[in-house]
């Protein structure tokens, strides 16, 4: 699973990583992104790729109660083609969710310890995501998303049995391409290579979503 992540990269670095993408004016570094908060996402539109904010926790278009999104922060790669909550978005509304690290809690004899996982290069990366547009009976529109997860790679398996799907640059365009047959994209939803990842223990301050500061990603 993926329940918290970070996006602390400089805007110029993000622009380079994602091919000159223009970021929202209110972009700022985030050290403890949690469900129900807005996340930076990239979607494909008529004029090319664009970045914007989506609420984390997917609300299916048919939902009666938007609170369902609180339970749909992750979509298992093994079942997204069949699950009613995800299959329509998987066919038509795929996105990239921009991050540069994520947290998992390792079980130790002393209790659960938060770990920050990131690329060894510290470069930003892109989670495979799905998004939806939901409209309330009063006409309020909410655009929301979920992060696709898969089995953990050998490196991460010592911390957790699941991990978010991170797409390498050559595969991002294919994931976003609306002309792609969705079933053929299932092969992209594999664990990220162990050799590219690093992790270390961080402060338990990250346990509270109200904490959002650089100290959260410093090693203890």
C-alpha atoms as a PDB file:
ATOM      1  CA  UNK A   1       0.000   0.000   0.000  1.00  0.00           C
ATOM      2  CA  UNK A   2       0.992   3.636  -0.236  1.00  0.00           C
ATOM      3  CA  UNK A   3      -0.515   5.924   2.396  1.00  0.00           C
ATOM      4  CA  UNK A   4       1.927   8.842   2.562  1.00  0.00           C
ATOM      5  CA  UNK A   5       4.462  10.344   0.187  1.00  0.00           C
ATOM      6  CA  UNK A   6       6.589  13.396  -0.505  1.00  0.00           C
ATOM      7  CA  UNK A   7       7.145  15.880  -3.303  1.00  0.00           C
ATOM      8  CA  UNK A   8       9.943  18.239  -2.357  1.00  0.00           C
ATOM      9  CA  UNK A   9      11.658  18.717  -5.735  1.00  0.00           C
ATOM     10  CA  UNK A  10      12.484  22.114  -7.161  1.00  0.00           C
ATOM     11  CA  UNK A  11      10.011  23.274  -9.868  1.00  0.00           C
ATOM     12  CA  UNK A  12      12.818  23.541 -12.429  1.00  0.00           C
ATOM     13  CA  UNK A  13      13.836  19.945 -11.739  1.00  0.00           C
ATOM     14  CA  UNK A  14      10.249  18.774 -12.163  1.00  0.00           C
ATOM     15  CA  UNK A  15       9.904  20.667 -15.425  1.00  0.00           C
ATOM     16  CA  UNK A  16      13.002  18.953 -16.815  1.00  0.00           C
ATOM     17  CA  UNK A  17      11.944  15.518 -15.570  1.00  0.00           C
ATOM     18  CA  UNK A  18       8.531  15.809 -17.217  1.00  0.00           C
ATOM     19  CA  UNK A  19       9.483  17.403 -20.530  1.00  0.00           C
ATOM     20  CA  UNK A  20       8.917  21.084 -19.845  1.00  0.00           C
ATOM     21  CA  UNK A  21       5.656  20.625 -17.977  1.00  0.00           C
ATOM     22  CA  UNK A  22       4.175  23.833 -16.541  1.00  0.00           C
ATOM     23  CA  UNK A  23       3.390  23.470 -12.834  1.00  0.00           C
ATOM     24  CA  UNK A  24       0.461  25.126 -11.036  1.00  0.00           C
ATOM     25  CA  UNK A  25       1.289  28.547  -9.610  1.00  0.00           C
ATOM     26  CA  UNK A  26       0.596  27.371  -6.072  1.00  0.00           C
ATOM     27  CA  UNK A  27       3.068  24.472  -6.179  1.00  0.00           C
ATOM     28  CA  UNK A  28       5.174  24.149  -3.016  1.00  0.00           C
ATOM     29  CA  UNK A  29       7.326  21.390  -1.508  1.00  0.00           C
ATOM     30  CA  UNK A  30       5.386  18.821   0.536  1.00  0.00           C
ATOM     31  CA  UNK A  31       6.922  16.479   3.093  1.00  0.00           C
ATOM     32  CA  UNK A  32       3.895  14.492   4.275  1.00  0.00           C
ATOM     33  CA  UNK A  33       1.184  14.173   1.634  1.00  0.00           C
ATOM     34  CA  UNK A  34      -1.795  12.262   3.034  1.00  0.00           C
ATOM     35  CA  UNK A  35      -5.109  10.887   1.733  1.00  0.00           C
ATOM     36  CA  UNK A  36      -7.892  13.436   1.026  1.00  0.00           C
ATOM     37  CA  UNK A  37      -5.255  16.099   0.297  1.00  0.00           C
ATOM     38  CA  UNK A  38      -4.524  17.464  -3.177  1.00  0.00           C
ATOM     39  CA  UNK A  39      -1.712  15.793  -5.106  1.00  0.00           C
ATOM     40  CA  UNK A  40       0.132  16.926  -8.224  1.00  0.00           C
ATOM     41  CA  UNK A  41      -0.950  14.838 -11.197  1.00  0.00           C
ATOM     42  CA  UNK A  42      -0.209  14.773 -14.926  1.00  0.00           C
ATOM     43  CA  UNK A  43      -2.948  13.924 -17.409  1.00  0.00           C
ATOM     44  CA  UNK A  44      -3.133  13.838 -21.198  1.00  0.00           C
ATOM     45  CA  UNK A  45      -5.400  16.410 -22.852  1.00  0.00           C
ATOM     46  CA  UNK A  46      -6.180  17.613 -26.388  1.00  0.00           C
ATOM     47  CA  UNK A  47      -3.230  20.022 -26.228  1.00  0.00           C
ATOM     48  CA  UNK A  48      -0.760  17.584 -24.703  1.00  0.00           C
ATOM     49  CA  UNK A  49       0.237  16.874 -21.129  1.00  0.00           C
ATOM     50  CA  UNK A  50      -0.904  19.159 -18.341  1.00  0.00           C
ATOM     51  CA  UNK A  51      -0.321  19.222 -14.600  1.00  0.00           C
ATOM     52  CA  UNK A  52      -2.918  19.998 -11.948  1.00  0.00           C
ATOM     53  CA  UNK A  53      -4.319  19.043  -8.588  1.00  0.00           C
ATOM     54  CA  UNK A  54      -6.410  15.958  -7.837  1.00  0.00           C
ATOM     55  CA  UNK A  55      -7.839  14.920  -4.489  1.00  0.00           C
ATOM     56  CA  UNK A  56      -6.185  11.733  -3.235  1.00  0.00           C
ATOM     57  CA  UNK A  57      -8.848   9.065  -2.742  1.00  0.00           C
ATOM     58  CA  UNK A  58     -10.796   8.083  -5.836  1.00  0.00           C
ATOM     59  CA  UNK A  59     -14.542   8.785  -5.896  1.00  0.00           C
ATOM     60  CA  UNK A  60     -16.194   6.682  -8.625  1.00  0.00           C
ATOM     61  CA  UNK A  61     -18.550   8.653 -10.853  1.00  0.00           C
ATOM     62  CA  UNK A  62     -21.462   6.465  -9.663  1.00  0.00           C
ATOM     63  CA  UNK A  63     -20.802   6.965  -5.937  1.00  0.00           C
ATOM     64  CA  UNK A  64     -23.641   8.203  -3.736  1.00  0.00           C
ATOM     65  CA  UNK A  65     -21.331   9.303  -0.935  1.00  0.00           C
ATOM     66  CA  UNK A  66     -17.928  10.922  -1.651  1.00  0.00           C
ATOM     67  CA  UNK A  67     -16.600   9.438   1.597  1.00  0.00           C
ATOM     68  CA  UNK A  68     -15.959   6.234  -0.370  1.00  0.00           C
ATOM     69  CA  UNK A  69     -12.816   7.955  -1.635  1.00  0.00           C
ATOM     70  CA  UNK A  70     -11.268   7.704   1.825  1.00  0.00           C
ATOM     71  CA  UNK A  71     -11.055   3.927   1.291  1.00  0.00           C
ATOM     72  CA  UNK A  72      -9.872   4.056  -2.330  1.00  0.00           C
ATOM     73  CA  UNK A  73      -6.452   5.668  -2.005  1.00  0.00           C
ATOM     74  CA  UNK A  74      -4.803   2.639  -3.638  1.00  0.00           C
ATOM     75  CA  UNK A  75      -5.809   0.348  -6.516  1.00  0.00           C
ATOM     76  CA  UNK A  76      -4.252  -3.095  -6.708  1.00  0.00           C
ATOM     77  CA  UNK A  77      -2.664  -3.692 -10.122  1.00  0.00           C
ATOM     78  CA  UNK A  78      -3.902  -7.273 -10.071  1.00  0.00           C
ATOM     79  CA  UNK A  79      -7.588  -6.250 -10.015  1.00  0.00           C
ATOM     80  CA  UNK A  80      -7.945  -2.765 -11.561  1.00  0.00           C
ATOM     81  CA  UNK A  81      -9.295  -4.182 -14.825  1.00  0.00           C
ATOM     82  CA  UNK A  82     -12.216  -5.867 -13.021  1.00  0.00           C
ATOM     83  CA  UNK A  83     -13.014  -3.865  -9.858  1.00  0.00           C
ATOM     84  CA  UNK A  84     -16.123  -1.683 -10.406  1.00  0.00           C
ATOM     85  CA  UNK A  85     -14.493   1.240  -8.604  1.00  0.00           C
ATOM     86  CA  UNK A  86     -11.488   1.296 -10.945  1.00  0.00           C
ATOM     87  CA  UNK A  87     -12.193  -0.417 -14.269  1.00  0.00           C
ATOM     88  CA  UNK A  88     -13.729   2.611 -16.019  1.00  0.00           C
ATOM     89  CA  UNK A  89     -10.876   4.890 -14.954  1.00  0.00           C
ATOM     90  CA  UNK A  90      -8.343   2.256 -15.977  1.00  0.00           C
ATOM     91  CA  UNK A  91      -9.848   2.186 -19.458  1.00  0.00           C
ATOM     92  CA  UNK A  92     -10.184   5.948 -19.950  1.00  0.00           C
ATOM     93  CA  UNK A  93      -8.682   8.099 -17.186  1.00  0.00           C
ATOM     94  CA  UNK A  94      -5.092   7.229 -16.378  1.00  0.00           C
ATOM     95  CA  UNK A  95      -2.680   9.739 -14.839  1.00  0.00           C
ATOM     96  CA  UNK A  96       0.774  10.146 -13.340  1.00  0.00           C
ATOM     97  CA  UNK A  97       1.076  11.198  -9.710  1.00  0.00           C
ATOM     98  CA  UNK A  98       4.309  13.079  -9.135  1.00  0.00           C
ATOM     99  CA  UNK A  99       6.450  12.219  -6.088  1.00  0.00           C
ATOM    100  CA  UNK A 100      10.049  11.983  -4.948  1.00  0.00           C
ATOM    101  CA  UNK A 101       9.640   9.567  -2.057  1.00  0.00           C
ATOM    102  CA  UNK A 102       7.111   7.625  -0.017  1.00  0.00           C
ATOM    103  CA  UNK A 103       6.766   6.328   3.520  1.00  0.00           C
ATOM    104  CA  UNK A 104       6.184   2.825   4.811  1.00  0.00           C
ATOM    105  CA  UNK A 105       6.196   1.617   8.405  1.00  0.00           C
ATOM    106  CA  UNK A 106       8.538  -1.276   9.180  1.00  0.00           C
ATOM    107  CA  UNK A 107       7.601  -3.720  11.945  1.00  0.00           C
ATOM    108  CA  UNK A 108      10.384  -4.015  14.522  1.00  0.00           C
ATOM    109  CA  UNK A 109      10.610  -5.440  18.064  1.00  0.00           C
ATOM    110  CA  UNK A 110      10.309  -1.844  19.279  1.00  0.00           C
ATOM    111  CA  UNK A 111       7.138  -1.231  17.249  1.00  0.00           C
ATOM    112  CA  UNK A 112       6.431   0.276  13.857  1.00  0.00           C
ATOM    113  CA  UNK A 113       9.156   2.591  12.519  1.00  0.00           C
ATOM    114  CA  UNK A 114       8.567   4.985   9.595  1.00  0.00           C
ATOM    115  CA  UNK A 115      10.921   4.587   6.635  1.00  0.00           C
ATOM    116  CA  UNK A 116      11.366   7.043   3.770  1.00  0.00           C
ATOM    117  CA  UNK A 117      11.898   5.297   0.423  1.00  0.00           C
ATOM    118  CA  UNK A 118      13.323   7.193  -2.545  1.00  0.00           C
ATOM    119  CA  UNK A 119      15.454   6.799  -5.655  1.00  0.00           C
ATOM    120  CA  UNK A 120      19.169   6.646  -4.964  1.00  0.00           C
ATOM    121  CA  UNK A 121      19.556   9.563  -7.371  1.00  0.00           C
ATOM    122  CA  UNK A 122      16.930  11.575  -5.392  1.00  0.00           C
ATOM    123  CA  UNK A 123      15.227  12.371  -8.707  1.00  0.00           C
ATOM    124  CA  UNK A 124      11.445  12.780  -8.804  1.00  0.00           C
ATOM    125  CA  UNK A 125       9.395   9.946 -10.242  1.00  0.00           C
ATOM    126  CA  UNK A 126       5.848   9.144 -11.332  1.00  0.00           C
ATOM    127  CA  UNK A 127       3.344   6.799  -9.718  1.00  0.00           C
ATOM    128  CA  UNK A 128       0.849   5.134 -12.040  1.00  0.00           C
ATOM    129  CA  UNK A 129      -2.540   6.580 -11.146  1.00  0.00           C
ATOM    130  CA  UNK A 130      -6.205   6.635 -12.115  1.00  0.00           C
ATOM    131  CA  UNK A 131      -8.532   9.610 -11.861  1.00  0.00           C
ATOM    132  CA  UNK A 132     -12.267  10.272 -11.840  1.00  0.00           C
ATOM    133  CA  UNK A 133     -14.707  13.172 -12.026  1.00  0.00           C
ATOM    134  CA  UNK A 134     -17.582  13.053  -9.532  1.00  0.00           C
ATOM    135  CA  UNK A 135     -20.474  15.506  -9.356  1.00  0.00           C
ATOM    136  CA  UNK A 136     -22.655  15.851  -6.262  1.00  0.00           C
ATOM    137  CA  UNK A 137     -26.449  16.245  -6.431  1.00  0.00           C
ATOM    138  CA  UNK A 138     -25.838  19.952  -5.780  1.00  0.00           C
ATOM    139  CA  UNK A 139     -23.532  20.201  -8.783  1.00  0.00           C
ATOM    140  CA  UNK A 140     -20.210  20.290  -6.899  1.00  0.00           C
ATOM    141  CA  UNK A 141     -17.408  18.734  -8.958  1.00  0.00           C
ATOM    142  CA  UNK A 142     -14.572  16.742  -7.390  1.00  0.00           C
ATOM    143  CA  UNK A 143     -11.664  15.376  -9.403  1.00  0.00           C
ATOM    144  CA  UNK A 144      -9.956  12.606  -7.488  1.00  0.00           C
ATOM    145  CA  UNK A 145      -7.309   9.925  -7.952  1.00  0.00           C
ATOM    146  CA  UNK A 146      -5.822   6.711  -6.660  1.00  0.00           C
ATOM    147  CA  UNK A 147      -2.294   5.260  -6.739  1.00  0.00           C
ATOM    148  CA  UNK A 148      -1.772   1.850  -8.349  1.00  0.00           C
ATOM    149  CA  UNK A 149       0.148  -0.635  -6.177  1.00  0.00           C
ATOM    150  CA  UNK A 150       1.818  -3.970  -6.834  1.00  0.00           C
ATOM    151  CA  UNK A 151       3.870  -6.599  -4.989  1.00  0.00           C
ATOM    152  CA  UNK A 152       6.956  -5.218  -3.306  1.00  0.00           C
ATOM    153  CA  UNK A 153      10.353  -5.849  -4.868  1.00  0.00           C
ATOM    154  CA  UNK A 154      12.971  -7.782  -2.849  1.00  0.00           C
ATOM    155  CA  UNK A 155      14.461  -4.568  -1.420  1.00  0.00           C
ATOM    156  CA  UNK A 156      11.164  -3.232  -0.091  1.00  0.00           C
ATOM    157  CA  UNK A 157       9.799  -6.593   1.017  1.00  0.00           C
ATOM    158  CA  UNK A 158      11.764  -6.298   4.253  1.00  0.00           C
ATOM    159  CA  UNK A 159       9.620  -3.227   5.056  1.00  0.00           C
ATOM    160  CA  UNK A 160       6.229  -3.912   3.435  1.00  0.00           C
ATOM    161  CA  UNK A 161       4.648  -6.439   1.071  1.00  0.00           C
ATOM    162  CA  UNK A 162       3.215  -3.820  -1.336  1.00  0.00           C
ATOM    163  CA  UNK A 163       4.643  -0.817  -3.148  1.00  0.00           C
ATOM    164  CA  UNK A 164       3.357   1.918  -5.484  1.00  0.00           C
ATOM    165  CA  UNK A 165       3.925   1.351  -9.204  1.00  0.00           C
ATOM    166  CA  UNK A 166       6.574   3.842 -10.375  1.00  0.00           C
ATOM    167  CA  UNK A 167       6.791   4.248 -14.135  1.00  0.00           C
ATOM    168  CA  UNK A 168      10.178   4.896 -15.786  1.00  0.00           C
ATOM    169  CA  UNK A 169      10.229   7.812 -18.229  1.00  0.00           C
ATOM    170  CA  UNK A 170       9.912   5.665 -21.417  1.00  0.00           C
ATOM    171  CA  UNK A 171       6.689   4.093 -20.111  1.00  0.00           C
ATOM    172  CA  UNK A 172       4.912   7.231 -18.887  1.00  0.00           C
ATOM    173  CA  UNK A 173       3.668   8.344 -22.281  1.00  0.00           C
ATOM    174  CA  UNK A 174       2.284   4.917 -23.016  1.00  0.00           C
ATOM    175  CA  UNK A 175       0.401   4.852 -19.698  1.00  0.00           C
ATOM    176  CA  UNK A 176      -1.186   8.231 -20.457  1.00  0.00           C
ATOM    177  CA  UNK A 177      -1.950   7.535 -24.116  1.00  0.00           C
ATOM    178  CA  UNK A 178      -5.761   7.210 -24.449  1.00  0.00           C
ATOM    179  CA  UNK A 179      -5.390   5.216 -27.657  1.00  0.00           C
ATOM    180  CA  UNK A 180      -3.619   2.373 -25.843  1.00  0.00           C
ATOM    181  CA  UNK A 181      -5.596  -0.780 -25.149  1.00  0.00           C
ATOM    182  CA  UNK A 182      -5.804  -0.805 -21.370  1.00  0.00           C
ATOM    183  CA  UNK A 183      -5.281  -4.558 -21.071  1.00  0.00           C
ATOM    184  CA  UNK A 184      -1.904  -4.236 -22.775  1.00  0.00           C
ATOM    185  CA  UNK A 185      -0.835  -1.773 -20.072  1.00  0.00           C
ATOM    186  CA  UNK A 186      -1.038  -4.337 -17.300  1.00  0.00           C
ATOM    187  CA  UNK A 187       2.495  -5.422 -18.158  1.00  0.00           C
ATOM    188  CA  UNK A 188       3.746  -1.986 -17.035  1.00  0.00           C
ATOM    189  CA  UNK A 189       2.463  -2.488 -13.489  1.00  0.00           C
ATOM    190  CA  UNK A 190       5.526  -4.302 -12.189  1.00  0.00           C
ATOM    191  CA  UNK A 191       7.695  -3.645  -9.118  1.00  0.00           C
ATOM    192  CA  UNK A 192      10.363  -0.981  -9.576  1.00  0.00           C
ATOM    193  CA  UNK A 193      13.950  -2.360  -9.683  1.00  0.00           C
ATOM    194  CA  UNK A 194      15.434  -2.862  -6.225  1.00  0.00           C
ATOM    195  CA  UNK A 195      18.866  -1.559  -7.221  1.00  0.00           C
ATOM    196  CA  UNK A 196      17.524   1.957  -7.847  1.00  0.00           C
ATOM    197  CA  UNK A 197      15.956   2.423  -4.409  1.00  0.00           C
ATOM    198  CA  UNK A 198      17.228   3.536  -1.016  1.00  0.00           C
ATOM    199  CA  UNK A 199      15.519   3.802   2.385  1.00  0.00           C
ATOM    200  CA  UNK A 200      16.216   4.958   5.909  1.00  0.00           C
ATOM    201  CA  UNK A 201      14.318   5.450   9.157  1.00  0.00           C
ATOM    202  CA  UNK A 202      12.796   8.872   9.841  1.00  0.00           C
ATOM    203  CA  UNK A 203      11.092  10.584  12.757  1.00  0.00           C
ATOM    204  CA  UNK A 204       7.728   9.412  14.064  1.00  0.00           C
ATOM    205  CA  UNK A 205       6.588  13.010  13.538  1.00  0.00           C
ATOM    206  CA  UNK A 206       5.506  11.778  10.120  1.00  0.00           C
ATOM    207  CA  UNK A 207       2.773   9.737  11.814  1.00  0.00           C
ATOM    208  CA  UNK A 208       0.636  12.863  12.032  1.00  0.00           C
ATOM    209  CA  UNK A 209      -0.574  14.333   8.700  1.00  0.00           C
ATOM    210  CA  UNK A 210      -0.569  17.763  10.339  1.00  0.00           C
ATOM    211  CA  UNK A 211       3.252  17.713  10.351  1.00  0.00           C
ATOM    212  CA  UNK A 212       4.730  18.883   7.046  1.00  0.00           C
ATOM    213  CA  UNK A 213       8.293  20.131   7.257  1.00  0.00           C
ATOM    214  CA  UNK A 214      11.789  19.258   5.949  1.00  0.00           C
ATOM    215  CA  UNK A 215      12.772  17.543   9.199  1.00  0.00           C
ATOM    216  CA  UNK A 216      10.460  14.670   8.340  1.00  0.00           C
ATOM    217  CA  UNK A 217      12.819  13.271   5.715  1.00  0.00           C
ATOM    218  CA  UNK A 218      15.978  13.598   7.783  1.00  0.00           C
ATOM    219  CA  UNK A 219      17.425  10.245   8.967  1.00  0.00           C
ATOM    220  CA  UNK A 220      17.075   9.558  12.677  1.00  0.00           C
END
